[in-house]
C-alpha atoms as a PDB file:
ATOM      1  CA  MET A   1      56.693  96.080  14.676  1.00  0.00           C
ATOM      2  CA  ALA A   2      58.707  99.479  15.052  1.00  0.00           C
ATOM      3  CA  GLY A   3      57.114 102.867  15.028  1.00  0.00           C
ATOM      4  CA  ASN A   4      58.576 106.356  14.414  1.00  0.00           C
ATOM      5  CA  LEU A   5      57.975 109.462  16.840  1.00  0.00           C
ATOM      6  CA  THR A   6      58.945 112.747  15.626  1.00  0.00           C
ATOM      7  CA  LEU A   7      59.139 115.766  18.136  1.00  0.00           C
ATOM      8  CA  GLU A   8      58.881 119.167  16.539  1.00  0.00           C
ATOM      9  CA  GLY A   9      59.664 122.230  18.635  1.00  0.00           C
ATOM     10  CA  MET A  10      61.776 120.456  21.364  1.00  0.00           C
ATOM     11  CA  ASP A  11      64.717 122.867  20.565  1.00  0.00           C
ATOM     12  CA  GLU A  12      62.548 125.834  21.701  1.00  0.00           C
ATOM     13  CA  ILE A  13      61.122 124.068  24.639  1.00  0.00           C
ATOM     14  CA  LEU A  14      64.836 123.415  25.817  1.00  0.00           C
ATOM     15  CA  ASP A  15      65.883 126.879  25.030  1.00  0.00           C
ATOM     16  CA  ARG A  16      62.915 128.268  26.944  1.00  0.00           C
ATOM     17  CA  LEU A  17      63.877 125.935  29.890  1.00  0.00           C
ATOM     18  CA  LYS A  18      67.366 127.139  29.803  1.00  0.00           C
ATOM     19  CA  GLU A  19      66.299 130.683  30.127  1.00  0.00           C
ATOM     20  CA  LEU A  20      63.928 130.182  32.892  1.00  0.00           C
ATOM     21  CA  GLY A  21      66.896 128.499  34.695  1.00  0.00           C
ATOM     22  CA  GLN A  22      69.071 131.510  34.359  1.00  0.00           C
ATOM     23  CA  ARG A  23      66.370 133.994  35.473  1.00  0.00           C
ATOM     24  CA  ALA A  24      65.424 131.798  38.294  1.00  0.00           C
ATOM     25  CA  ALA A  25      68.102 132.688  41.112  1.00  0.00           C
ATOM     26  CA  PRO A  26      67.631 136.579  41.146  1.00  0.00           C
ATOM     27  CA  VAL A  27      63.636 136.069  40.786  1.00  0.00           C
ATOM     28  CA  GLU A  28      63.837 133.541  43.973  1.00  0.00           C
ATOM     29  CA  ASN A  29      65.914 136.081  45.948  1.00  0.00           C
ATOM     30  CA  GLN A  30      63.465 138.949  45.072  1.00  0.00           C
ATOM     31  CA  ALA A  31      60.465 136.797  45.921  1.00  0.00           C
ATOM     32  CA  LEU A  32      62.090 135.761  49.411  1.00  0.00           C
ATOM     33  CA  TYR A  33      62.794 139.501  50.237  1.00  0.00           C
ATOM     34  CA  ALA A  34      59.286 140.426  49.324  1.00  0.00           C
ATOM     35  CA  GLY A  35      57.831 137.832  51.593  1.00  0.00           C
ATOM     36  CA  ALA A  36      60.297 138.618  54.297  1.00  0.00           C
ATOM     37  CA  LYS A  37      59.524 142.501  54.025  1.00  0.00           C
ATOM     38  CA  ILE A  38      55.782 141.634  55.288  1.00  0.00           C
ATOM     39  CA  VAL A  39      57.218 139.616  58.480  1.00  0.00           C
ATOM     40  CA  GLN A  40      59.710 142.734  58.986  1.00  0.00           C
ATOM     41  CA  GLU A  41      57.037 145.036  59.009  1.00  0.00           C
ATOM     42  CA  ASN A  42      54.537 143.113  61.008  1.00  0.00           C
ATOM     43  CA  ALA A  43      57.360 142.172  63.626  1.00  0.00           C
ATOM     44  CA  GLY A  44      58.165 145.966  63.854  1.00  0.00           C
ATOM     45  CA  GLN A  45      54.651 146.816  64.703  1.00  0.00           C
ATOM     46  CA  LYS A  46      54.439 143.970  67.403  1.00  0.00           C
ATOM     47  CA  ALA A  47      57.880 144.757  68.948  1.00  0.00           C
ATOM     48  CA  PRO A  48      57.767 146.593  72.145  1.00  0.00           C
ATOM     49  CA  ARG A  49      59.046 150.351  72.057  1.00  0.00           C
ATOM     50  CA  SER A  50      60.509 152.116  75.282  1.00  0.00           C
ATOM     51  CA  LEU A  51      59.101 155.541  76.086  1.00  0.00           C
ATOM     52  CA  GLU A  52      62.554 157.010  75.622  1.00  0.00           C
ATOM     53  CA  ALA A  53      63.712 158.781  72.515  1.00  0.00           C
ATOM     54  CA  LYS A  54      66.234 156.329  71.230  1.00  0.00           C
ATOM     55  CA  GLU A  55      66.739 153.491  69.006  1.00  0.00           C
ATOM     56  CA  HIS A  56      63.972 150.864  69.195  1.00  0.00           C
ATOM     57  CA  LEU A  57      64.107 147.028  68.819  1.00  0.00           C
ATOM     58  CA  ALA A  58      60.924 147.694  66.522  1.00  0.00           C
ATOM     59  CA  ASP A  59      63.296 149.807  64.359  1.00  0.00           C
ATOM     60  CA  ASN A  60      66.137 147.465  63.939  1.00  0.00           C
ATOM     61  CA  ILE A  61      64.591 144.140  62.615  1.00  0.00           C
ATOM     62  CA  VAL A  62      66.449 143.258  59.401  1.00  0.00           C
ATOM     63  CA  ILE A  63      66.388 140.787  56.590  1.00  0.00           C
ATOM     64  CA  CYS A  64      69.566 138.836  56.241  1.00  0.00           C
ATOM     65  CA  GLU A  65      71.150 137.774  53.029  1.00  0.00           C
ATOM     66  CA  PRO A  66      69.485 134.412  51.301  1.00  0.00           C
ATOM     67  CA  LYS A  67      71.159 131.164  52.597  1.00  0.00           C
ATOM     68  CA  GLN A  68      70.619 127.769  51.302  1.00  0.00           C
ATOM     69  CA  ASP A  69      70.566 124.442  53.121  1.00  0.00           C
ATOM     70  CA  GLU A  70      69.205 120.816  52.247  1.00  0.00           C
ATOM     71  CA  ASN A  71      65.742 122.048  52.360  1.00  0.00           C
ATOM     72  CA  GLY A  72      66.290 125.090  49.841  1.00  0.00           C
ATOM     73  CA  LYS A  73      66.913 128.834  49.994  1.00  0.00           C
ATOM     74  CA  TYR A  74      65.680 131.027  52.927  1.00  0.00           C
ATOM     75  CA  VAL A  75      66.247 134.301  54.517  1.00  0.00           C
ATOM     76  CA  GLU A  76      66.158 135.169  58.250  1.00  0.00           C
ATOM     77  CA  VAL A  77      64.259 138.247  59.909  1.00  0.00           C
ATOM     78  CA  GLY A  78      65.272 139.295  63.234  1.00  0.00           C
ATOM     79  CA  PRO A  79      66.868 141.958  65.376  1.00  0.00           C
ATOM     80  CA  THR A  80      70.229 143.261  64.522  1.00  0.00           C
ATOM     81  CA  ALA A  81      73.103 142.388  66.991  1.00  0.00           C
ATOM     82  CA  PRO A  82      72.858 145.521  69.395  1.00  0.00           C
ATOM     83  CA  PHE A  83      69.330 144.159  70.001  1.00  0.00           C
ATOM     84  CA  PHE A  84      70.125 140.843  71.059  1.00  0.00           C
ATOM     85  CA  TYR A  85      67.881 141.198  73.753  1.00  0.00           C
ATOM     86  CA  GLY A  86      64.864 140.634  71.541  1.00  0.00           C
ATOM     87  CA  LYS A  87      65.462 136.860  71.816  1.00  0.00           C
ATOM     88  CA  PHE A  88      64.876 137.419  75.705  1.00  0.00           C
ATOM     89  CA  LEU A  89      61.448 139.204  75.056  1.00  0.00           C
ATOM     90  CA  GLU A  90      60.645 136.497  72.487  1.00  0.00           C
ATOM     91  CA  TYR A  91      61.170 133.537  74.436  1.00  0.00           C
ATOM     92  CA  GLY A  92      61.438 134.850  77.967  1.00  0.00           C
ATOM     93  CA  THR A  93      63.839 134.034  80.938  1.00  0.00           C
ATOM     94  CA  SER A  94      63.764 132.377  84.087  1.00  0.00           C
ATOM     95  CA  LYS A  95      62.752 135.628  85.824  1.00  0.00           C
ATOM     96  CA  MET A  96      60.766 137.067  82.852  1.00  0.00           C
ATOM     97  CA  THR A  97      57.734 135.905  81.002  1.00  0.00           C
ATOM     98  CA  ALA A  98      57.941 135.704  77.219  1.00  0.00           C
ATOM     99  CA  ARG A  99      56.383 138.430  75.262  1.00  0.00           C
ATOM    100  CA  PRO A 100      56.557 136.974  71.806  1.00  0.00           C
ATOM    101  CA  PHE A 101      56.580 139.338  68.671  1.00  0.00           C
ATOM    102  CA  MET A 102      58.544 137.510  65.748  1.00  0.00           C
ATOM    103  CA  GLY A 103      56.601 134.174  66.156  1.00  0.00           C
ATOM    104  CA  PRO A 104      53.166 135.823  66.011  1.00  0.00           C
ATOM    105  CA  ALA A 105      54.263 138.362  63.186  1.00  0.00           C
ATOM    106  CA  GLN A 106      55.424 135.236  61.114  1.00  0.00           C
ATOM    107  CA  ALA A 107      52.128 133.050  61.935  1.00  0.00           C
ATOM    108  CA  GLU A 108      49.832 135.998  61.075  1.00  0.00           C
ATOM    109  CA  SER A 109      51.727 136.774  57.753  1.00  0.00           C
ATOM    110  CA  LYS A 110      52.038 133.247  56.481  1.00  0.00           C
ATOM    111  CA  LYS A 111      49.118 133.500  53.862  1.00  0.00           C
ATOM    112  CA  GLN A 112      50.106 136.823  52.740  1.00  0.00           C
ATOM    113  CA  VAL A 113      53.862 135.982  52.521  1.00  0.00           C
ATOM    114  CA  LEU A 114      53.028 132.781  50.406  1.00  0.00           C
ATOM    115  CA  GLU A 115      51.019 134.840  48.026  1.00  0.00           C
ATOM    116  CA  THR A 116      53.620 137.513  47.749  1.00  0.00           C
ATOM    117  CA  ILE A 117      56.149 135.145  47.047  1.00  0.00           C
ATOM    118  CA  ARG A 118      53.917 133.174  44.382  1.00  0.00           C
ATOM    119  CA  GLN A 119      53.066 136.560  42.630  1.00  0.00           C
ATOM    120  CA  THR A 120      56.724 137.845  42.693  1.00  0.00           C
ATOM    121  CA  LEU A 121      57.939 134.410  41.010  1.00  0.00           C
ATOM    122  CA  LYS A 122      55.046 134.383  38.475  1.00  0.00           C
ATOM    123  CA  ALA A 123      55.745 137.899  37.512  1.00  0.00           C
ATOM    124  CA  GLY A 124      59.400 137.297  37.413  1.00  0.00           C
ATOM    125  CA  LEU A 125      59.311 134.359  35.335  1.00  0.00           C
ATOM    126  CA  ASP A 126      56.400 135.418  33.038  1.00  0.00           C
ATOM    127  CA  ILE A 127      54.473 132.190  33.800  1.00  0.00           C
END
């Protein structure tokens, strides 16, 4: 015994999915930047500042361009090259104890970052 199945509206669904796919990449980047901005601001508040009137590590924490690996797209947040010593503060050295600022900034911001990414994706994709 054979039966017939008729699907109506499939073309509209496929068109909508294709449209979502085309909009996804820029919205994905916007969401990553929005989440990274929260970590950047939090790290800037936690990073040590000298008493001298010069550039500070806290003012030179940047968000890198989005990258992709086998786990998906991501952005990195951290000090610019002239402030390479940030890694010594973060992890310590054999003669200096660690004074982390990036790790705590990321950990404390995690829920807010995820919510911001979710809201940005939802708004950008109209879902």
